[in-house]
Protein backbone atom coordinates (compact mmCIF):
# COMPACT_ATOMS: atom_id res chain seq x y z
CA MET A 1 10.80 9.55 -4.54
CA THR A 2 11.47 6.60 -6.86
CA GLU A 3 15.04 6.42 -5.41
CA ARG A 4 13.78 5.66 -1.93
CA ILE A 5 11.72 2.77 -3.17
CA ALA A 6 14.69 1.41 -5.30
CA GLN A 7 17.01 1.74 -2.32
CA CYS A 8 14.59 -0.19 -0.13
CA PHE A 9 14.30 -3.19 -2.48
CA ALA A 10 18.07 -3.10 -3.17
CA ARG A 11 18.85 -3.25 0.60
CA LEU A 12 16.41 -6.17 1.07
CA ARG A 13 17.63 -8.03 -2.06
CA SER A 14 21.18 -7.87 -0.54
CA LYS A 15 19.87 -9.78 2.47
CA ASN A 16 17.63 -12.20 0.34
CA GLN A 17 14.57 -10.87 1.98
CA ALA A 18 11.25 -9.62 0.53
CA ALA A 19 9.66 -6.40 1.67
CA PHE A 20 6.78 -6.15 3.99
CA VAL A 21 4.22 -3.51 3.06
CA PRO A 22 1.37 -2.78 5.61
CA PHE A 23 -1.63 -0.72 4.58
CA ILE A 24 -3.46 1.65 6.88
CA THR A 25 -6.04 4.29 6.11
CA ALA A 26 -5.08 7.93 6.96
CA GLY A 27 -7.46 9.22 9.55
CA ASP A 28 -8.61 5.75 10.83
CA PRO A 29 -9.99 6.16 13.45
CA ASP A 30 -8.53 9.71 13.74
CA LEU A 31 -5.47 11.63 12.55
CA LYS A 32 -3.68 11.39 16.02
CA SER A 33 -3.89 7.59 15.92
CA SER A 34 -2.86 7.55 12.30
CA ALA A 35 0.25 9.60 13.05
CA ALA A 36 1.11 7.26 15.99
CA LEU A 37 0.76 4.11 13.83
CA LEU A 38 2.70 5.72 11.02
CA LYS A 39 5.62 6.50 13.39
CA ALA A 40 5.48 2.98 14.86
CA LEU A 41 5.27 0.98 11.59
CA PRO A 42 9.00 1.16 10.51
CA GLY A 43 10.22 0.03 13.82
CA ALA A 44 7.77 -2.96 13.68
CA GLY A 45 9.22 -4.11 10.48
CA ALA A 46 7.48 -2.18 7.70
CA ASP A 47 9.67 -1.64 4.79
CA ILE A 48 7.26 0.39 2.71
CA ILE A 49 4.05 1.94 4.00
CA GLU A 50 0.72 2.11 1.86
CA LEU A 51 -1.34 4.93 3.26
CA GLY A 52 -4.94 4.89 2.16
CA MET A 53 -6.55 8.12 1.00
CA PRO A 54 -10.17 7.87 2.45
CA PHE A 55 -12.94 7.92 -0.16
CA SER A 56 -16.71 7.50 0.09
CA ASP A 57 -16.92 4.91 -2.68
CA PRO A 58 -13.77 2.55 -2.55
CA MET A 59 -15.08 0.10 -5.16
CA ALA A 60 -12.07 -2.15 -5.22
CA ASP A 61 -12.04 -2.57 -1.41
CA GLY A 62 -13.87 -5.11 0.77
CA PRO A 63 -15.87 -4.39 3.92
CA ALA A 64 -12.87 -3.90 6.26
CA VAL A 65 -11.17 -1.22 4.13
CA GLN A 66 -14.49 0.37 3.33
CA ALA A 67 -15.27 0.68 7.01
CA ALA A 68 -11.85 2.23 7.57
CA SER A 69 -12.51 4.82 5.00
CA ILE A 70 -15.92 5.57 6.59
CA ARG A 71 -14.30 5.94 9.94
CA ALA A 72 -11.75 8.35 8.52
CA LEU A 73 -14.29 10.43 6.73
CA LYS A 74 -16.49 10.49 9.87
CA ALA A 75 -13.30 12.00 11.61
CA LYS A 76 -13.39 14.64 8.84
CA THR A 77 -10.02 13.52 7.31
CA THR A 78 -9.33 15.46 4.05
CA LEU A 79 -6.83 14.81 1.33
CA ALA A 80 -4.90 17.85 2.62
CA ASP A 81 -4.75 16.06 6.08
CA VAL A 82 -3.29 12.99 4.50
CA LEU A 83 -0.48 15.07 2.91
CA ALA A 84 0.16 16.88 6.14
CA LEU A 85 0.31 13.50 7.85
CA VAL A 86 3.02 12.39 5.50
CA ALA A 87 4.96 15.67 5.87
CA ALA A 88 4.87 15.41 9.63
CA HIS A 89 6.14 11.82 9.48
CA ARG A 90 8.94 12.91 7.13
CA ARG A 91 10.51 15.17 9.82
CA ASP A 92 11.60 11.99 11.69
CA ASP A 93 11.74 9.35 8.95
CA GLN A 94 13.54 10.15 5.60
CA GLU A 95 14.06 6.46 4.74
CA THR A 96 10.81 4.56 4.64
CA PRO A 97 8.94 4.88 1.30
CA ILE A 98 5.29 5.93 1.50
CA ILE A 99 2.78 5.14 -1.12
CA LEU A 100 -0.62 6.75 -1.27
CA MET A 101 -3.29 4.42 -2.44
CA GLY A 102 -6.79 5.42 -3.40
CA TYR A 103 -9.06 6.76 -6.08
CA TYR A 104 -9.09 9.54 -8.47
CA ASN A 105 -12.06 11.49 -7.45
CA PRO A 106 -10.53 13.22 -4.32
CA ILE A 107 -7.37 14.07 -6.37
CA TYR A 108 -9.61 15.54 -9.20
CA SER A 109 -11.48 17.64 -6.62
CA TYR A 110 -8.21 18.73 -4.93
CA GLY A 111 -6.67 19.59 -8.36
CA ALA A 112 -4.32 17.09 -9.98
CA GLU A 113 -1.39 19.43 -10.51
CA ARG A 114 -1.71 20.94 -7.10
CA PHE A 115 -2.02 17.43 -5.64
CA LEU A 116 1.09 16.20 -7.31
CA ASP A 117 3.13 19.32 -6.16
CA ASP A 118 1.89 18.94 -2.70
CA ALA A 119 2.50 15.13 -2.57
CA LYS A 120 6.03 15.63 -3.76
CA ALA A 121 6.69 18.43 -1.20
CA SER A 122 5.19 16.33 1.59
CA GLY A 123 7.59 13.38 0.96
CA VAL A 124 5.32 10.88 -0.82
CA ASP A 125 7.23 8.39 -2.99
CA GLY A 126 4.46 6.88 -5.08
CA LEU A 127 0.80 6.56 -5.95
CA ILE A 128 -1.56 3.70 -6.57
CA ILE A 129 -4.71 5.09 -8.09
CA VAL A 130 -6.88 2.05 -8.67
CA ASP A 131 -9.61 3.50 -10.92
CA LEU A 132 -7.33 5.46 -13.31
CA PRO A 133 -6.40 3.09 -16.26
CA PRO A 134 -3.34 3.47 -18.43
CA GLU A 135 -5.44 4.97 -21.22
CA HIS A 136 -5.62 8.06 -19.02
CA ASP A 137 -1.92 8.35 -18.21
CA ASP A 138 -1.82 11.97 -19.39
CA GLU A 139 -4.19 12.85 -16.68
CA LEU A 140 -1.96 11.98 -13.72
CA CYS A 141 0.62 9.41 -14.47
CA ILE A 142 2.89 11.29 -16.77
CA PRO A 143 2.75 14.48 -14.69
CA ALA A 144 3.55 12.43 -11.56
CA LEU A 145 6.56 10.66 -13.24
CA SER A 146 7.87 14.04 -14.31
CA ARG A 147 8.03 15.09 -10.65
CA GLY A 148 9.88 11.97 -9.56
CA LEU A 149 6.80 10.28 -8.14
CA SER A 150 6.29 6.56 -8.88
CA VAL A 151 3.08 5.36 -10.34
CA ILE A 152 2.40 1.78 -9.37
CA ARG A 153 0.08 -0.32 -11.50
CA LEU A 154 -2.11 -3.19 -10.51
CA ALA A 155 -1.99 -6.41 -12.47
CA SER A 156 -4.47 -9.19 -11.70
CA PRO A 157 -5.26 -12.79 -12.58
CA THR A 158 -7.27 -11.42 -15.57
CA THR A 159 -4.48 -9.29 -16.89
CA ASP A 160 -3.33 -11.38 -19.94
CA ASP A 161 -0.16 -11.04 -22.07
CA VAL A 162 -1.80 -8.87 -24.51
CA ARG A 163 -2.95 -6.25 -21.83
CA LEU A 164 0.16 -6.46 -19.69
CA PRO A 165 2.54 -4.32 -21.72
CA THR A 166 -0.06 -1.48 -21.66
CA VAL A 167 -0.34 -1.79 -17.87
CA LEU A 168 3.46 -1.82 -17.48
CA LYS A 169 4.23 1.00 -19.96
CA ASN A 170 4.60 3.87 -17.50
CA THR A 171 4.76 1.80 -14.31
CA SER A 172 7.64 2.58 -11.83
CA GLY A 173 8.70 1.73 -8.39
CA PHE A 174 7.10 -1.73 -8.34
CA VAL A 175 4.28 -3.69 -9.88
CA TYR A 176 1.41 -4.53 -7.56
CA TYR A 177 -0.03 -7.99 -8.42
CA VAL A 178 -3.65 -8.58 -7.04
CA ALA A 179 -3.53 -12.13 -5.93
CA ILE A 180 -7.42 -12.69 -6.05
CA ALA A 181 -10.12 -11.65 -8.51
CA GLY A 182 -12.49 -9.52 -6.51
CA ILE A 183 -12.32 -7.00 -3.66
CA THR A 184 -9.91 -6.92 -0.76
CA GLY A 185 -10.18 -9.00 2.35
CA THR A 186 -12.75 -11.54 0.88
CA LYS A 187 -10.61 -14.54 -0.04
CA SER A 188 -7.25 -16.03 0.72
CA ALA A 189 -4.38 -15.93 -1.87
CA ASP A 190 -3.14 -19.19 -3.27
CA ALA A 191 0.64 -19.22 -2.87
CA ASP A 192 1.24 -21.64 -5.78
CA GLN A 193 -0.90 -19.66 -8.20
CA VAL A 194 0.69 -16.47 -7.12
CA ALA A 195 4.20 -17.98 -7.67
CA ARG A 196 3.16 -18.77 -11.22
CA ALA A 197 1.73 -15.37 -11.82
CA VAL A 198 4.96 -13.73 -10.44
CA ASN A 199 7.10 -15.84 -12.72
CA ARG A 200 4.96 -14.78 -15.68
CA LEU A 201 5.25 -11.09 -14.67
CA ARG A 202 9.06 -11.43 -14.44
CA GLN A 203 9.07 -12.17 -18.13
CA HIS A 204 7.62 -8.76 -18.84
CA THR A 205 9.37 -6.38 -16.41
CA GLU A 206 12.45 -5.93 -14.28
CA LEU A 207 10.58 -4.00 -11.59
CA PRO A 208 10.02 -5.65 -8.19
CA ILE A 209 6.68 -7.41 -7.88
CA ALA A 210 4.59 -6.89 -4.75
CA VAL A 211 1.60 -9.12 -4.01
CA GLY A 212 -1.49 -8.09 -2.06
CA PHE A 213 -5.13 -9.00 -1.43
CA GLY A 214 -5.98 -12.21 0.42
CA ILE A 215 -3.02 -12.12 2.78
CA ARG A 216 -3.98 -12.07 6.41
CA THR A 217 -1.57 -14.10 8.54
CA PRO A 218 2.16 -14.37 9.05
CA ALA A 219 2.19 -17.73 7.47
CA GLN A 220 0.38 -16.53 4.34
CA ALA A 221 2.58 -13.51 4.05
CA ALA A 222 5.72 -15.79 4.30
CA ALA A 223 4.36 -18.12 1.65
CA ILE A 224 3.96 -15.17 -0.75
CA ALA A 225 7.34 -13.70 0.20
CA ARG A 226 9.17 -16.76 -0.98
CA ASN A 227 8.49 -15.83 -4.51
CA ALA A 228 7.38 -12.17 -4.67
CA ASP A 229 9.53 -9.18 -3.85
CA ALA A 230 6.98 -7.85 -1.41
CA ALA A 231 3.88 -8.86 0.53
CA VAL A 232 1.20 -6.36 1.18
CA VAL A 233 -1.35 -6.69 4.04
CA GLY A 234 -4.28 -4.33 4.38
CA SER A 235 -7.58 -5.86 5.49
CA ALA A 236 -6.29 -7.81 8.43
CA ILE A 237 -4.52 -4.63 9.75
CA VAL A 238 -7.54 -2.33 9.43
CA SER A 239 -9.72 -4.99 10.94
CA THR A 240 -7.38 -5.01 13.96
CA VAL A 241 -7.71 -1.32 14.21
CA GLU A 242 -11.46 -1.66 14.18
CA ALA A 243 -11.47 -4.41 16.85
CA SER A 244 -9.50 -2.23 19.23
CA LEU A 245 -12.04 0.61 19.16
CA ASP A 246 -14.41 1.39 22.00
CA ASP A 247 -18.28 1.35 21.77
CA GLN A 248 -18.26 4.86 20.28
CA GLY A 249 -15.77 3.95 17.60
CA GLN A 250 -12.91 5.88 19.28
CA ALA A 251 -9.25 4.75 19.77
CA THR A 252 -8.16 2.93 22.81
CA PRO A 253 -4.63 2.08 23.99
CA LYS A 254 -5.06 -1.23 22.24
CA THR A 255 -5.46 0.58 18.84
CA ILE A 256 -1.66 1.10 18.67
CA THR A 257 -0.39 -1.85 20.55
CA ASP A 258 -2.48 -4.56 18.99
CA THR A 259 -1.99 -3.20 15.46
CA VAL A 260 1.75 -2.78 15.91
CA SER A 261 1.88 -6.33 17.30
CA LEU A 262 0.24 -7.75 14.33
CA VAL A 263 2.51 -5.82 12.01
CA ARG A 264 5.56 -7.09 13.81
CA ASP A 265 4.32 -10.69 13.38
CA LEU A 266 3.56 -10.23 9.67
CA ALA A 267 6.93 -8.61 9.10
CA ALA A 268 8.75 -11.42 10.81
CA GLY A 269 6.99 -13.93 8.62
CA VAL A 270 7.94 -11.98 5.48
CA HIS A 271 11.53 -11.34 6.51
CA GLY A 272 12.19 -14.91 7.50
CA ALA A 273 10.41 -16.54 4.51
CA ARG A 274 13.52 -17.49 2.66
CA ASP A 275 15.61 -18.72 5.69
CA LYS A 276 14.08 -22.27 5.32
């Protein structure tokens, strides 16, 4: 729910901290491993979790996240499985916001109204649908908002002041600033450029501003968190998942331990960013 997201940012704001938002792909490398990771992330410092909905053509994502989607689809992960994963997690965790991130095609195939009802029932808090522009808000955004689901928009270095009000019109929860032009995991974010962009966005919205794309290390995450309200890390995390797999692409004990260790280090960087 929107309230869960707002409460998270309010709690962190009271401690002068930014939020750490890790991204994992549901079903990567299998649903059992995804469930274990999802369960472990809050204890490792995740404030909000982005859960990728696997799709065969993730056009905005780089090689690492594309590979994660392929692994999840190879494991026969469906959109219904993603929602069931969230519902199962909610039995033990009623606090951590969960954002589903992905593309519209699987939702359209599932049925948009049915998807929104099921997402709400499972405990999803918000959606990032990267290929559904504001001009199609009636398709998914407005119905989602009516159910209390946040719809989080992407703003990028090419989103100028003319376009920005359209992007922000029905945005809720937070704004996701894409720190680099291009696909995920291919470049590093420039902290100074991001700081200027965040300041510009603040002139247009009172929503928290999360920054993602191009953040791979605790130091980079900390640099972003000094100005933004949240730092999002995806490619580095799914690359760690990939590196932990055996020769057949199956999970090993390191899949959970190595991934959680990275998340803990990234979260520490974000949460300590404003102490200095």
